[in-house]
Amino acid sequence: MASWRASIIKFLRDMNLDLVTKSDLLELKSDLIEEIKKIVPLQTAAPDEYLKSSEVRKLMKISAGTLLHLRVSGKLPFTKIGRIVYFRREDIRSILGNGTPENAVVKRLFREEAHGERK
């Protein structure tokens, strides 16, 4: 059995193979992460600049149908990525105005549309 081990060790030395241990891989991972951090700048944009439909519905206290109507009528700009619709937080703030109750804003938007008063 000793000759078998010796022959494997000799074979590995002849092949110039290095063994990679788990600690070697962890060290490589740390080094790679540090290098990536140097190359890729940190993003400074606020992660909640865009809201999903469900978040907008909760914020404005409206139904999915009402949100769809606001989107389709062009009253609320949106961005669609794949199957997910996003709304800019700033657009929501501008629609809600200065402390006006959410449902009053939506009613006003529908009233303007019904009377042909588009802004």
PDB file of N, CA and C in Angstrom:
ATOM      1  N   MET A   1       0.813  -1.182   0.000  1.00  0.00           N
ATOM      2  CA  MET A   1       0.000   0.000   0.000  1.00  0.00           C
ATOM      3  C   MET A   1       0.865   1.257   0.000  1.00  0.00           C
ATOM      4  N   ALA A   2       1.987   1.194   0.654  1.00  0.00           N
ATOM      5  CA  ALA A   2       2.895   2.333   0.703  1.00  0.00           C
ATOM      6  C   ALA A   2       3.417   2.648  -0.693  1.00  0.00           C
ATOM      7  N   SER A   3       3.662   1.632  -1.485  1.00  0.00           N
ATOM      8  CA  SER A   3       4.163   1.870  -2.839  1.00  0.00           C
ATOM      9  C   SER A   3       3.087   2.534  -3.712  1.00  0.00           C
ATOM     10  N   TRP A   4       1.870   2.197  -3.430  1.00  0.00           N
ATOM     11  CA  TRP A   4       0.757   2.817  -4.169  1.00  0.00           C
ATOM     12  C   TRP A   4       0.696   4.312  -3.893  1.00  0.00           C
ATOM     13  N   ARG A   5       0.794   4.721  -2.615  1.00  0.00           N
ATOM     14  CA  ARG A   5       0.802   6.126  -2.232  1.00  0.00           C
ATOM     15  C   ARG A   5       2.013   6.837  -2.816  1.00  0.00           C
ATOM     16  N   ALA A   6       3.120   6.191  -2.746  1.00  0.00           N
ATOM     17  CA  ALA A   6       4.356   6.785  -3.270  1.00  0.00           C
ATOM     18  C   ALA A   6       4.233   7.020  -4.770  1.00  0.00           C
ATOM     19  N   SER A   7       3.611   6.073  -5.456  1.00  0.00           N
ATOM     20  CA  SER A   7       3.475   6.244  -6.901  1.00  0.00           C
ATOM     21  C   SER A   7       2.511   7.387  -7.237  1.00  0.00           C
ATOM     22  N   ILE A   8       1.465   7.590  -6.430  1.00  0.00           N
ATOM     23  CA  ILE A   8       0.531   8.707  -6.650  1.00  0.00           C
ATOM     24  C   ILE A   8       1.234  10.029  -6.379  1.00  0.00           C
ATOM     25  N   ILE A   9       1.975  10.098  -5.293  1.00  0.00           N
ATOM     26  CA  ILE A   9       2.712  11.325  -4.974  1.00  0.00           C
ATOM     27  C   ILE A   9       3.712  11.634  -6.076  1.00  0.00           C
ATOM     28  N   LYS A  10       4.434  10.621  -6.536  1.00  0.00           N
ATOM     29  CA  LYS A  10       5.397  10.814  -7.618  1.00  0.00           C
ATOM     30  C   LYS A  10       4.683  11.293  -8.873  1.00  0.00           C
ATOM     31  N   PHE A  11       3.532  10.701  -9.168  1.00  0.00           N
ATOM     32  CA  PHE A  11       2.758  11.090 -10.344  1.00  0.00           C
ATOM     33  C   PHE A  11       2.345  12.564 -10.254  1.00  0.00           C
ATOM     34  N   LEU A  12       1.851  12.991  -9.084  1.00  0.00           N
ATOM     35  CA  LEU A  12       1.432  14.377  -8.901  1.00  0.00           C
ATOM     36  C   LEU A  12       2.608  15.337  -9.037  1.00  0.00           C
ATOM     37  N   ARG A  13       3.762  14.956  -8.489  1.00  0.00           N
ATOM     38  CA  ARG A  13       4.949  15.807  -8.606  1.00  0.00           C
ATOM     39  C   ARG A  13       5.399  15.899 -10.051  1.00  0.00           C
ATOM     40  N   ASP A  14       5.343  14.790 -10.758  1.00  0.00           N
ATOM     41  CA  ASP A  14       5.752  14.780 -12.165  1.00  0.00           C
ATOM     42  C   ASP A  14       4.812  15.636 -13.017  1.00  0.00           C
ATOM     43  N   MET A  15       3.560  15.674 -12.653  1.00  0.00           N
ATOM     44  CA  MET A  15       2.572  16.440 -13.428  1.00  0.00           C
ATOM     45  C   MET A  15       2.590  17.922 -13.056  1.00  0.00           C
ATOM     46  N   ASN A  16       3.345  18.281 -12.011  1.00  0.00           N
ATOM     47  CA  ASN A  16       3.394  19.662 -11.520  1.00  0.00           C
ATOM     48  C   ASN A  16       2.001  20.173 -11.150  1.00  0.00           C
ATOM     49  N   LEU A  17       1.233  19.340 -10.514  1.00  0.00           N
ATOM     50  CA  LEU A  17      -0.111  19.704 -10.079  1.00  0.00           C
ATOM     51  C   LEU A  17      -0.059  20.273  -8.672  1.00  0.00           C
ATOM     52  N   ASP A  18      -0.812  21.324  -8.453  1.00  0.00           N
ATOM     53  CA  ASP A  18      -0.936  21.898  -7.124  1.00  0.00           C
ATOM     54  C   ASP A  18      -2.306  21.560  -6.573  1.00  0.00           C
ATOM     55  N   LEU A  19      -2.351  21.256  -5.316  1.00  0.00           N
ATOM     56  CA  LEU A  19      -3.626  20.987  -4.678  1.00  0.00           C
ATOM     57  C   LEU A  19      -4.209  22.304  -4.187  1.00  0.00           C
ATOM     58  N   VAL A  20      -5.504  22.480  -4.391  1.00  0.00           N
ATOM     59  CA  VAL A  20      -6.194  23.686  -3.951  1.00  0.00           C
ATOM     60  C   VAL A  20      -7.053  23.314  -2.755  1.00  0.00           C
ATOM     61  N   THR A  21      -6.834  24.028  -1.664  1.00  0.00           N
ATOM     62  CA  THR A  21      -7.592  23.745  -0.456  1.00  0.00           C
ATOM     63  C   THR A  21      -8.753  24.726  -0.326  1.00  0.00           C
ATOM     64  N   LYS A  22      -9.605  24.438   0.618  1.00  0.00           N
ATOM     65  CA  LYS A  22     -10.754  25.308   0.866  1.00  0.00           C
ATOM     66  C   LYS A  22     -10.283  26.699   1.303  1.00  0.00           C
ATOM     67  N   SER A  23      -9.258  26.764   2.121  1.00  0.00           N
ATOM     68  CA  SER A  23      -8.746  28.075   2.557  1.00  0.00           C
ATOM     69  C   SER A  23      -8.167  28.856   1.376  1.00  0.00           C
ATOM     70  N   ASP A  24      -7.568  28.158   0.403  1.00  0.00           N
ATOM     71  CA  ASP A  24      -7.080  28.834  -0.808  1.00  0.00           C
ATOM     72  C   ASP A  24      -8.236  29.475  -1.567  1.00  0.00           C
ATOM     73  N   LEU A  25      -9.338  28.756  -1.678  1.00  0.00           N
ATOM     74  CA  LEU A  25     -10.508  29.276  -2.388  1.00  0.00           C
ATOM     75  C   LEU A  25     -11.124  30.466  -1.655  1.00  0.00           C
ATOM     76  N   LEU A  26     -11.203  30.399  -0.337  1.00  0.00           N
ATOM     77  CA  LEU A  26     -11.742  31.515   0.446  1.00  0.00           C
ATOM     78  C   LEU A  26     -10.877  32.762   0.303  1.00  0.00           C
ATOM     79  N   GLU A  27      -9.564  32.572   0.285  1.00  0.00           N
ATOM     80  CA  GLU A  27      -8.642  33.694   0.101  1.00  0.00           C
ATOM     81  C   GLU A  27      -8.819  34.305  -1.294  1.00  0.00           C
ATOM     82  N   LEU A  28      -8.965  33.453  -2.298  1.00  0.00           N
ATOM     83  CA  LEU A  28      -9.196  33.928  -3.657  1.00  0.00           C
ATOM     84  C   LEU A  28     -10.499  34.718  -3.731  1.00  0.00           C
ATOM     85  N   LYS A  29     -11.535  34.223  -3.072  1.00  0.00           N
ATOM     86  CA  LYS A  29     -12.822  34.905  -3.053  1.00  0.00           C
ATOM     87  C   LYS A  29     -12.679  36.299  -2.449  1.00  0.00           C
ATOM     88  N   SER A  30     -12.002  36.406  -1.335  1.00  0.00           N
ATOM     89  CA  SER A  30     -11.791  37.707  -0.693  1.00  0.00           C
ATOM     90  C   SER A  30     -11.035  38.663  -1.600  1.00  0.00           C
ATOM     91  N   ASP A  31      -9.996  38.154  -2.231  1.00  0.00           N
ATOM     92  CA  ASP A  31      -9.208  38.985  -3.147  1.00  0.00           C
ATOM     93  C   ASP A  31     -10.045  39.469  -4.325  1.00  0.00           C
ATOM     94  N   LEU A  32     -10.863  38.582  -4.879  1.00  0.00           N
ATOM     95  CA  LEU A  32     -11.716  38.956  -6.010  1.00  0.00           C
ATOM     96  C   LEU A  32     -12.739  40.013  -5.613  1.00  0.00           C
ATOM     97  N   ILE A  33     -13.340  39.858  -4.451  1.00  0.00           N
ATOM     98  CA  ILE A  33     -14.331  40.831  -3.981  1.00  0.00           C
ATOM     99  C   ILE A  33     -13.683  42.200  -3.809  1.00  0.00           C
ATOM    100  N   GLU A  34     -12.494  42.241  -3.251  1.00  0.00           N
ATOM    101  CA  GLU A  34     -11.785  43.514  -3.080  1.00  0.00           C
ATOM    102  C   GLU A  34     -11.469  44.158  -4.425  1.00  0.00           C
ATOM    103  N   GLU A  35     -11.054  43.379  -5.395  1.00  0.00           N
ATOM    104  CA  GLU A  35     -10.740  43.906  -6.725  1.00  0.00           C
ATOM    105  C   GLU A  35     -12.000  44.430  -7.426  1.00  0.00           C
ATOM    106  N   ILE A  36     -13.097  43.711  -7.281  1.00  0.00           N
ATOM    107  CA  ILE A  36     -14.359  44.144  -7.893  1.00  0.00           C
ATOM    108  C   ILE A  36     -14.828  45.443  -7.273  1.00  0.00           C
ATOM    109  N   LYS A  37     -14.687  45.573  -5.950  1.00  0.00           N
ATOM    110  CA  LYS A  37     -15.086  46.812  -5.280  1.00  0.00           C
ATOM    111  C   LYS A  37     -14.286  47.999  -5.790  1.00  0.00           C
ATOM    112  N   LYS A  38     -13.027  47.782  -6.129  1.00  0.00           N
ATOM    113  CA  LYS A  38     -12.193  48.864  -6.664  1.00  0.00           C
ATOM    114  C   LYS A  38     -12.626  49.257  -8.067  1.00  0.00           C
ATOM    115  N   ILE A  39     -13.050  48.288  -8.853  1.00  0.00           N
ATOM    116  CA  ILE A  39     -13.402  48.531 -10.251  1.00  0.00           C
ATOM    117  C   ILE A  39     -14.804  49.109 -10.396  1.00  0.00           C
ATOM    118  N   VAL A  40     -15.770  48.525  -9.714  1.00  0.00           N
ATOM    119  CA  VAL A  40     -17.174  48.925  -9.848  1.00  0.00           C
ATOM    120  C   VAL A  40     -17.477  50.008  -8.813  1.00  0.00           C
ATOM    121  N   PRO A  41     -17.867  51.201  -9.271  1.00  0.00           N
ATOM    122  CA  PRO A  41     -18.191  52.257  -8.307  1.00  0.00           C
ATOM    123  C   PRO A  41     -19.477  51.932  -7.560  1.00  0.00           C
ATOM    124  N   LEU A  42     -19.541  52.408  -6.340  1.00  0.00           N
ATOM    125  CA  LEU A  42     -20.751  52.193  -5.556  1.00  0.00           C
ATOM    126  C   LEU A  42     -21.877  53.027  -6.128  1.00  0.00           C
ATOM    127  N   GLN A  43     -23.055  52.448  -6.222  1.00  0.00           N
ATOM    128  CA  GLN A  43     -24.206  53.174  -6.740  1.00  0.00           C
ATOM    129  C   GLN A  43     -24.741  54.091  -5.653  1.00  0.00           C
ATOM    130  N   THR A  44     -24.972  55.349  -6.024  1.00  0.00           N
ATOM    131  CA  THR A  44     -25.449  56.309  -5.042  1.00  0.00           C
ATOM    132  C   THR A  44     -26.950  56.574  -5.169  1.00  0.00           C
ATOM    133  N   ALA A  45     -27.596  56.028  -6.197  1.00  0.00           N
ATOM    134  CA  ALA A  45     -29.031  56.259  -6.380  1.00  0.00           C
ATOM    135  C   ALA A  45     -29.812  55.579  -5.263  1.00  0.00           C
ATOM    136  N   ALA A  46     -30.881  56.228  -4.867  1.00  0.00           N
ATOM    137  CA  ALA A  46     -31.729  55.664  -3.821  1.00  0.00           C
ATOM    138  C   ALA A  46     -32.400  54.403  -4.341  1.00  0.00           C
ATOM    139  N   PRO A  47     -32.382  53.312  -3.574  1.00  0.00           N
ATOM    140  CA  PRO A  47     -32.956  52.064  -4.057  1.00  0.00           C
ATOM    141  C   PRO A  47     -34.476  52.127  -4.202  1.00  0.00           C
ATOM    142  N   ASP A  48     -35.119  53.066  -3.510  1.00  0.00           N
ATOM    143  CA  ASP A  48     -36.573  53.136  -3.596  1.00  0.00           C
ATOM    144  C   ASP A  48     -37.032  54.300  -4.460  1.00  0.00           C
ATOM    145  N   GLU A  49     -36.228  54.682  -5.452  1.00  0.00           N
ATOM    146  CA  GLU A  49     -36.615  55.757  -6.362  1.00  0.00           C
ATOM    147  C   GLU A  49     -37.813  55.324  -7.212  1.00  0.00           C
ATOM    148  N   TYR A  50     -37.880  54.038  -7.521  1.00  0.00           N
ATOM    149  CA  TYR A  50     -38.983  53.495  -8.299  1.00  0.00           C
ATOM    150  C   TYR A  50     -39.834  52.587  -7.423  1.00  0.00           C
ATOM    151  N   LEU A  51     -41.137  52.637  -7.650  1.00  0.00           N
ATOM    152  CA  LEU A  51     -42.067  51.818  -6.877  1.00  0.00           C
ATOM    153  C   LEU A  51     -42.792  50.850  -7.805  1.00  0.00           C
ATOM    154  N   LYS A  52     -43.086  49.667  -7.289  1.00  0.00           N
ATOM    155  CA  LYS A  52     -43.885  48.699  -8.042  1.00  0.00           C
ATOM    156  C   LYS A  52     -45.356  49.075  -7.912  1.00  0.00           C
ATOM    157  N   SER A  53     -46.180  48.486  -8.754  1.00  0.00           N
ATOM    158  CA  SER A  53     -47.614  48.781  -8.767  1.00  0.00           C
ATOM    159  C   SER A  53     -48.258  48.590  -7.400  1.00  0.00           C
ATOM    160  N   SER A  54     -47.919  47.497  -6.734  1.00  0.00           N
ATOM    161  CA  SER A  54     -48.533  47.227  -5.427  1.00  0.00           C
ATOM    162  C   SER A  54     -48.175  48.308  -4.411  1.00  0.00           C
ATOM    163  N   GLU A  55     -46.949  48.815  -4.478  1.00  0.00           N
ATOM    164  CA  GLU A  55     -46.531  49.874  -3.562  1.00  0.00           C
ATOM    165  C   GLU A  55     -47.273  51.181  -3.852  1.00  0.00           C
ATOM    166  N   VAL A  56     -47.479  51.458  -5.138  1.00  0.00           N
ATOM    167  CA  VAL A  56     -48.199  52.679  -5.525  1.00  0.00           C
ATOM    168  C   VAL A  56     -49.654  52.590  -5.084  1.00  0.00           C
ATOM    169  N   ARG A  57     -50.269  51.414  -5.255  1.00  0.00           N
ATOM    170  CA  ARG A  57     -51.668  51.246  -4.851  1.00  0.00           C
ATOM    171  C   ARG A  57     -51.826  51.479  -3.345  1.00  0.00           C
ATOM    172  N   LYS A  58     -50.885  50.960  -2.564  1.00  0.00           N
ATOM    173  CA  LYS A  58     -50.953  51.161  -1.111  1.00  0.00           C
ATOM    174  C   LYS A  58     -50.750  52.629  -0.757  1.00  0.00           C
ATOM    175  N   LEU A  59     -49.788  53.265  -1.414  1.00  0.00           N
ATOM    176  CA  LEU A  59     -49.472  54.656  -1.133  1.00  0.00           C
ATOM    177  C   LEU A  59     -50.631  55.583  -1.481  1.00  0.00           C
ATOM    178  N   MET A  60     -51.262  55.343  -2.639  1.00  0.00           N
ATOM    179  CA  MET A  60     -52.358  56.198  -3.093  1.00  0.00           C
ATOM    180  C   MET A  60     -53.721  55.721  -2.616  1.00  0.00           C
ATOM    181  N   LYS A  61     -53.743  54.522  -2.028  1.00  0.00           N
ATOM    182  CA  LYS A  61     -55.005  53.929  -1.547  1.00  0.00           C
ATOM    183  C   LYS A  61     -56.018  53.796  -2.680  1.00  0.00           C
ATOM    184  N   ILE A  62     -55.569  53.153  -3.760  1.00  0.00           N
ATOM    185  CA  ILE A  62     -56.428  52.950  -4.927  1.00  0.00           C
ATOM    186  C   ILE A  62     -56.388  51.475  -5.329  1.00  0.00           C
ATOM    187  N   SER A  63     -57.336  51.083  -6.164  1.00  0.00           N
ATOM    188  CA  SER A  63     -57.400  49.701  -6.630  1.00  0.00           C
ATOM    189  C   SER A  63     -56.478  49.497  -7.831  1.00  0.00           C
ATOM    190  N   ALA A  64     -56.292  48.235  -8.189  1.00  0.00           N
ATOM    191  CA  ALA A  64     -55.460  47.906  -9.344  1.00  0.00           C
ATOM    192  C   ALA A  64     -56.068  48.475 -10.618  1.00  0.00           C
ATOM    193  N   GLY A  65     -57.399  48.438 -10.724  1.00  0.00           N
ATOM    194  CA  GLY A  65     -58.081  48.988 -11.902  1.00  0.00           C
ATOM    195  C   GLY A  65     -57.890  50.490 -12.037  1.00  0.00           C
ATOM    196  N   THR A  66     -57.956  51.201 -10.915  1.00  0.00           N
ATOM    197  CA  THR A  66     -57.760  52.644 -10.938  1.00  0.00           C
ATOM    198  C   THR A  66     -56.337  52.970 -11.359  1.00  0.00           C
ATOM    199  N   LEU A  67     -55.374  52.234 -10.831  1.00  0.00           N
ATOM    200  CA  LEU A  67     -53.985  52.461 -11.203  1.00  0.00           C
ATOM    201  C   LEU A  67     -53.781  52.176 -12.687  1.00  0.00           C
ATOM    202  N   LEU A  68     -54.401  51.122 -13.179  1.00  0.00           N
ATOM    203  CA  LEU A  68     -54.316  50.805 -14.601  1.00  0.00           C
ATOM    204  C   LEU A  68     -54.889  51.942 -15.445  1.00  0.00           C
ATOM    205  N   HIS A  69     -56.021  52.485 -15.019  1.00  0.00           N
ATOM    206  CA  HIS A  69     -56.639  53.586 -15.749  1.00  0.00           C
ATOM    207  C   HIS A  69     -55.721  54.809 -15.766  1.00  0.00           C
ATOM    208  N   LEU A  70     -55.130  55.142 -14.628  1.00  0.00           N
ATOM    209  CA  LEU A  70     -54.209  56.279 -14.569  1.00  0.00           C
ATOM    210  C   LEU A  70     -53.004  56.061 -15.481  1.00  0.00           C
ATOM    211  N   ARG A  71     -52.550  54.830 -15.543  1.00  0.00           N
ATOM    212  CA  ARG A  71     -51.399  54.494 -16.386  1.00  0.00           C
ATOM    213  C   ARG A  71     -51.759  54.582 -17.864  1.00  0.00           C
ATOM    214  N   VAL A  72     -52.864  53.951 -18.244  1.00  0.00           N
ATOM    215  CA  VAL A  72     -53.270  53.899 -19.653  1.00  0.00           C
ATOM    216  C   VAL A  72     -53.667  55.280 -20.172  1.00  0.00           C
ATOM    217  N   SER A  73     -54.280  56.092 -19.321  1.00  0.00           N
ATOM    218  CA  SER A  73     -54.727  57.422 -19.749  1.00  0.00           C
ATOM    219  C   SER A  73     -53.563  58.419 -19.836  1.00  0.00           C
ATOM    220  N   GLY A  74     -52.380  58.005 -19.380  1.00  0.00           N
ATOM    221  CA  GLY A  74     -51.217  58.872 -19.461  1.00  0.00           C
ATOM    222  C   GLY A  74     -51.083  59.836 -18.297  1.00  0.00           C
ATOM    223  N   LYS A  75     -51.942  59.721 -17.313  1.00  0.00           N
ATOM    224  CA  LYS A  75     -51.870  60.621 -16.155  1.00  0.00           C
ATOM    225  C   LYS A  75     -50.747  60.246 -15.202  1.00  0.00           C
ATOM    226  N   LEU A  76     -50.301  59.009 -15.266  1.00  0.00           N
ATOM    227  CA  LEU A  76     -49.228  58.550 -14.401  1.00  0.00           C
ATOM    228  C   LEU A  76     -48.173  57.836 -15.253  1.00  0.00           C
ATOM    229  N   PRO A  77     -47.037  58.500 -15.498  1.00  0.00           N
ATOM    230  CA  PRO A  77     -45.982  57.873 -16.312  1.00  0.00           C
ATOM    231  C   PRO A  77     -45.444  56.612 -15.636  1.00  0.00           C
ATOM    232  N   PHE A  78     -44.974  55.677 -16.451  1.00  0.00           N
ATOM    233  CA  PHE A  78     -44.477  54.418 -15.915  1.00  0.00           C
ATOM    234  C   PHE A  78     -43.349  53.886 -16.782  1.00  0.00           C
ATOM    235  N   THR A  79     -42.645  52.920 -16.235  1.00  0.00           N
ATOM    236  CA  THR A  79     -41.601  52.200 -16.965  1.00  0.00           C
ATOM    237  C   THR A  79     -41.889  50.725 -16.782  1.00  0.00           C
ATOM    238  N   LYS A  80     -41.806  49.982 -17.869  1.00  0.00           N
ATOM    239  CA  LYS A  80     -42.075  48.552 -17.787  1.00  0.00           C
ATOM    240  C   LYS A  80     -40.793  47.804 -18.130  1.00  0.00           C
ATOM    241  N   ILE A  81     -40.374  46.945 -17.207  1.00  0.00           N
ATOM    242  CA  ILE A  81     -39.206  46.108 -17.428  1.00  0.00           C
ATOM    243  C   ILE A  81     -39.677  44.671 -17.319  1.00  0.00           C
ATOM    244  N   GLY A  82     -39.656  43.988 -18.440  1.00  0.00           N
ATOM    245  CA  GLY A  82     -40.207  42.635 -18.468  1.00  0.00           C
ATOM    246  C   GLY A  82     -41.704  42.720 -18.229  1.00  0.00           C
ATOM    247  N   ARG A  83     -42.168  42.032 -17.214  1.00  0.00           N
ATOM    248  CA  ARG A  83     -43.595  42.063 -16.891  1.00  0.00           C
ATOM    249  C   ARG A  83     -43.904  42.958 -15.700  1.00  0.00           C
ATOM    250  N   ILE A  84     -42.889  43.632 -15.164  1.00  0.00           N
ATOM    251  CA  ILE A  84     -43.077  44.450 -13.963  1.00  0.00           C
ATOM    252  C   ILE A  84     -43.158  45.921 -14.342  1.00  0.00           C
ATOM    253  N   VAL A  85     -44.174  46.600 -13.813  1.00  0.00           N
ATOM    254  CA  VAL A  85     -44.386  48.017 -14.070  1.00  0.00           C
ATOM    255  C   VAL A  85     -43.865  48.816 -12.877  1.00  0.00           C
ATOM    256  N   TYR A  86     -43.055  49.841 -13.183  1.00  0.00           N
ATOM    257  CA  TYR A  86     -42.487  50.700 -12.145  1.00  0.00           C
ATOM    258  C   TYR A  86     -42.955  52.134 -12.343  1.00  0.00           C
ATOM    259  N   PHE A  87     -43.119  52.838 -11.228  1.00  0.00           N
ATOM    260  CA  PHE A  87     -43.516  54.240 -11.239  1.00  0.00           C
ATOM    261  C   PHE A  87     -42.481  55.026 -10.450  1.00  0.00           C
ATOM    262  N   ARG A  88     -42.133  56.207 -10.940  1.00  0.00           N
ATOM    263  CA  ARG A  88     -41.182  57.046 -10.212  1.00  0.00           C
ATOM    264  C   ARG A  88     -41.862  57.646  -8.995  1.00  0.00           C
ATOM    265  N   ARG A  89     -41.166  57.609  -7.871  1.00  0.00           N
ATOM    266  CA  ARG A  89     -41.702  58.166  -6.627  1.00  0.00           C
ATOM    267  C   ARG A  89     -42.031  59.647  -6.810  1.00  0.00           C
ATOM    268  N   GLU A  90     -41.202  60.361  -7.550  1.00  0.00           N
ATOM    269  CA  GLU A  90     -41.422  61.792  -7.765  1.00  0.00           C
ATOM    270  C   GLU A  90     -42.729  62.046  -8.532  1.00  0.00           C
ATOM    271  N   ASP A  91     -43.063  61.176  -9.486  1.00  0.00           N
ATOM    272  CA  ASP A  91     -44.320  61.318 -10.226  1.00  0.00           C
ATOM    273  C   ASP A  91     -45.520  61.111  -9.297  1.00  0.00           C
ATOM    274  N   ILE A  92     -45.399  60.174  -8.381  1.00  0.00           N
ATOM    275  CA  ILE A  92     -46.473  59.927  -7.416  1.00  0.00           C
ATOM    276  C   ILE A  92     -46.639  61.149  -6.519  1.00  0.00           C
ATOM    277  N   ARG A  93     -45.524  61.693  -6.046  1.00  0.00           N
ATOM    278  CA  ARG A  93     -45.590  62.888  -5.191  1.00  0.00           C
ATOM    279  C   ARG A  93     -46.245  64.052  -5.917  1.00  0.00           C
ATOM    280  N   SER A  94     -45.910  64.237  -7.191  1.00  0.00           N
ATOM    281  CA  SER A  94     -46.485  65.366  -7.931  1.00  0.00           C
ATOM    282  C   SER A  94     -47.986  65.192  -8.133  1.00  0.00           C
ATOM    283  N   ILE A  95     -48.441  63.959  -8.302  1.00  0.00           N
ATOM    284  CA  ILE A  95     -49.880  63.716  -8.460  1.00  0.00           C
ATOM    285  C   ILE A  95     -50.600  63.932  -7.133  1.00  0.00           C
ATOM    286  N   LEU A  96     -50.006  63.457  -6.056  1.00  0.00           N
ATOM    287  CA  LEU A  96     -50.658  63.592  -4.755  1.00  0.00           C
ATOM    288  C   LEU A  96     -50.710  65.044  -4.291  1.00  0.00           C
ATOM    289  N   GLY A  97     -49.778  65.860  -4.727  1.00  0.00           N
ATOM    290  CA  GLY A  97     -49.819  67.284  -4.397  1.00  0.00           C
ATOM    291  C   GLY A  97     -49.458  67.565  -2.963  1.00  0.00           C
ATOM    292  N   ASN A  98     -49.936  68.670  -2.474  1.00  0.00           N
ATOM    293  CA  ASN A  98     -49.567  69.149  -1.141  1.00  0.00           C
ATOM    294  C   ASN A  98     -50.570  68.716  -0.093  1.00  0.00           C
ATOM    295  N   GLY A  99     -50.504  67.474   0.328  1.00  0.00           N
ATOM    296  CA  GLY A  99     -51.338  67.014   1.427  1.00  0.00           C
ATOM    297  C   GLY A  99     -52.789  66.750   1.071  1.00  0.00           C
ATOM    298  N   THR A 100     -53.148  66.785  -0.200  1.00  0.00           N
ATOM    299  CA  THR A 100     -54.518  66.482  -0.597  1.00  0.00           C
ATOM    300  C   THR A 100     -54.782  65.001  -0.353  1.00  0.00           C
ATOM    301  N   PRO A 101     -55.929  64.649   0.202  1.00  0.00           N
ATOM    302  CA  PRO A 101     -56.214  63.220   0.408  1.00  0.00           C
ATOM    303  C   PRO A 101     -56.141  62.458  -0.913  1.00  0.00           C
ATOM    304  N   GLU A 102     -55.596  61.249  -0.856  1.00  0.00           N
ATOM    305  CA  GLU A 102     -55.343  60.465  -2.069  1.00  0.00           C
ATOM    306  C   GLU A 102     -56.601  60.257  -2.902  1.00  0.00           C
ATOM    307  N   ASN A 103     -57.703  59.897  -2.258  1.00  0.00           N
ATOM    308  CA  ASN A 103     -58.918  59.621  -3.028  1.00  0.00           C
ATOM    309  C   ASN A 103     -59.457  60.885  -3.691  1.00  0.00           C
ATOM    310  N   ALA A 104     -59.257  62.041  -3.071  1.00  0.00           N
ATOM    311  CA  ALA A 104     -59.697  63.306  -3.669  1.00  0.00           C
ATOM    312  C   ALA A 104     -58.894  63.595  -4.932  1.00  0.00           C
ATOM    313  N   VAL A 105     -57.613  63.278  -4.921  1.00  0.00           N
ATOM    314  CA  VAL A 105     -56.768  63.485  -6.103  1.00  0.00           C
ATOM    315  C   VAL A 105     -57.249  62.609  -7.243  1.00  0.00           C
ATOM    316  N   VAL A 106     -57.511  61.357  -6.950  1.00  0.00           N
ATOM    317  CA  VAL A 106     -57.962  60.429  -7.988  1.00  0.00           C
ATOM    318  C   VAL A 106     -59.319  60.861  -8.531  1.00  0.00           C
ATOM    319  N   LYS A 107     -60.235  61.266  -7.653  1.00  0.00           N
ATOM    320  CA  LYS A 107     -61.548  61.738  -8.115  1.00  0.00           C
ATOM    321  C   LYS A 107     -61.398  62.953  -9.027  1.00  0.00           C
ATOM    322  N   ARG A 108     -60.500  63.880  -8.660  1.00  0.00           N
ATOM    323  CA  ARG A 108     -60.277  65.069  -9.480  1.00  0.00           C
ATOM    324  C   ARG A 108     -59.746  64.682 -10.854  1.00  0.00           C
ATOM    325  N   LEU A 109     -58.838  63.709 -10.897  1.00  0.00           N
ATOM    326  CA  LEU A 109     -58.294  63.263 -12.181  1.00  0.00           C
ATOM    327  C   LEU A 109     -59.389  62.686 -13.070  1.00  0.00           C
ATOM    328  N   PHE A 110     -60.279  61.873 -12.477  1.00  0.00           N
ATOM    329  CA  PHE A 110     -61.370  61.293 -13.251  1.00  0.00           C
ATOM    330  C   PHE A 110     -62.381  62.359 -13.674  1.00  0.00           C
ATOM    331  N   ARG A 111     -62.647  63.324 -12.814  1.00  0.00           N
ATOM    332  CA  ARG A 111     -63.588  64.391 -13.131  1.00  0.00           C
ATOM    333  C   ARG A 111     -63.058  65.223 -14.308  1.00  0.00           C
ATOM    334  N   GLU A 112     -61.771  65.558 -14.279  1.00  0.00           N
ATOM    335  CA  GLU A 112     -61.168  66.312 -15.375  1.00  0.00           C
ATOM    336  C   GLU A 112     -61.291  65.549 -16.677  1.00  0.00           C
ATOM    337  N   GLU A 113     -61.096  64.241 -16.614  1.00  0.00           N
ATOM    338  CA  GLU A 113     -61.171  63.425 -17.818  1.00  0.00           C
ATOM    339  C   GLU A 113     -62.595  63.364 -18.345  1.00  0.00           C
ATOM    340  N   ALA A 114     -63.561  63.252 -17.445  1.00  0.00           N
ATOM    341  CA  ALA A 114     -64.953  63.156 -17.849  1.00  0.00           C
ATOM    342  C   ALA A 114     -65.422  64.459 -18.506  1.00  0.00           C
ATOM    343  N   HIS A 115     -64.909  65.600 -18.054  1.00  0.00           N
ATOM    344  CA  HIS A 115     -65.326  66.893 -18.601  1.00  0.00           C
ATOM    345  C   HIS A 115     -64.384  67.368 -19.706  1.00  0.00           C
ATOM    346  N   GLY A 116     -63.432  66.524 -20.083  1.00  0.00           N
ATOM    347  CA  GLY A 116     -62.510  66.872 -21.146  1.00  0.00           C
ATOM    348  C   GLY A 116     -61.488  67.927 -20.755  1.00  0.00           C
ATOM    349  N   GLU A 117     -61.207  68.046 -19.479  1.00  0.00           N
ATOM    350  CA  GLU A 117     -60.248  69.045 -18.997  1.00  0.00           C
ATOM    351  C   GLU A 117     -58.901  68.387 -18.793  1.00  0.00           C
ATOM    352  N   ARG A 118     -58.173  68.203 -19.836  1.00  0.00           N
ATOM    353  CA  ARG A 118     -56.862  67.587 -19.713  1.00  0.00           C
ATOM    354  C   ARG A 118     -55.807  68.642 -19.487  1.00  0.00           C
ATOM    355  N   LYS A 119     -54.855  68.311 -18.612  1.00  0.00           N
ATOM    356  CA  LYS A 119     -53.764  69.253 -18.361  1.00  0.00           C
ATOM    357  C   LYS A 119     -52.612  68.979 -19.281  1.00  0.00           C
TER     358      LYS A 119
END
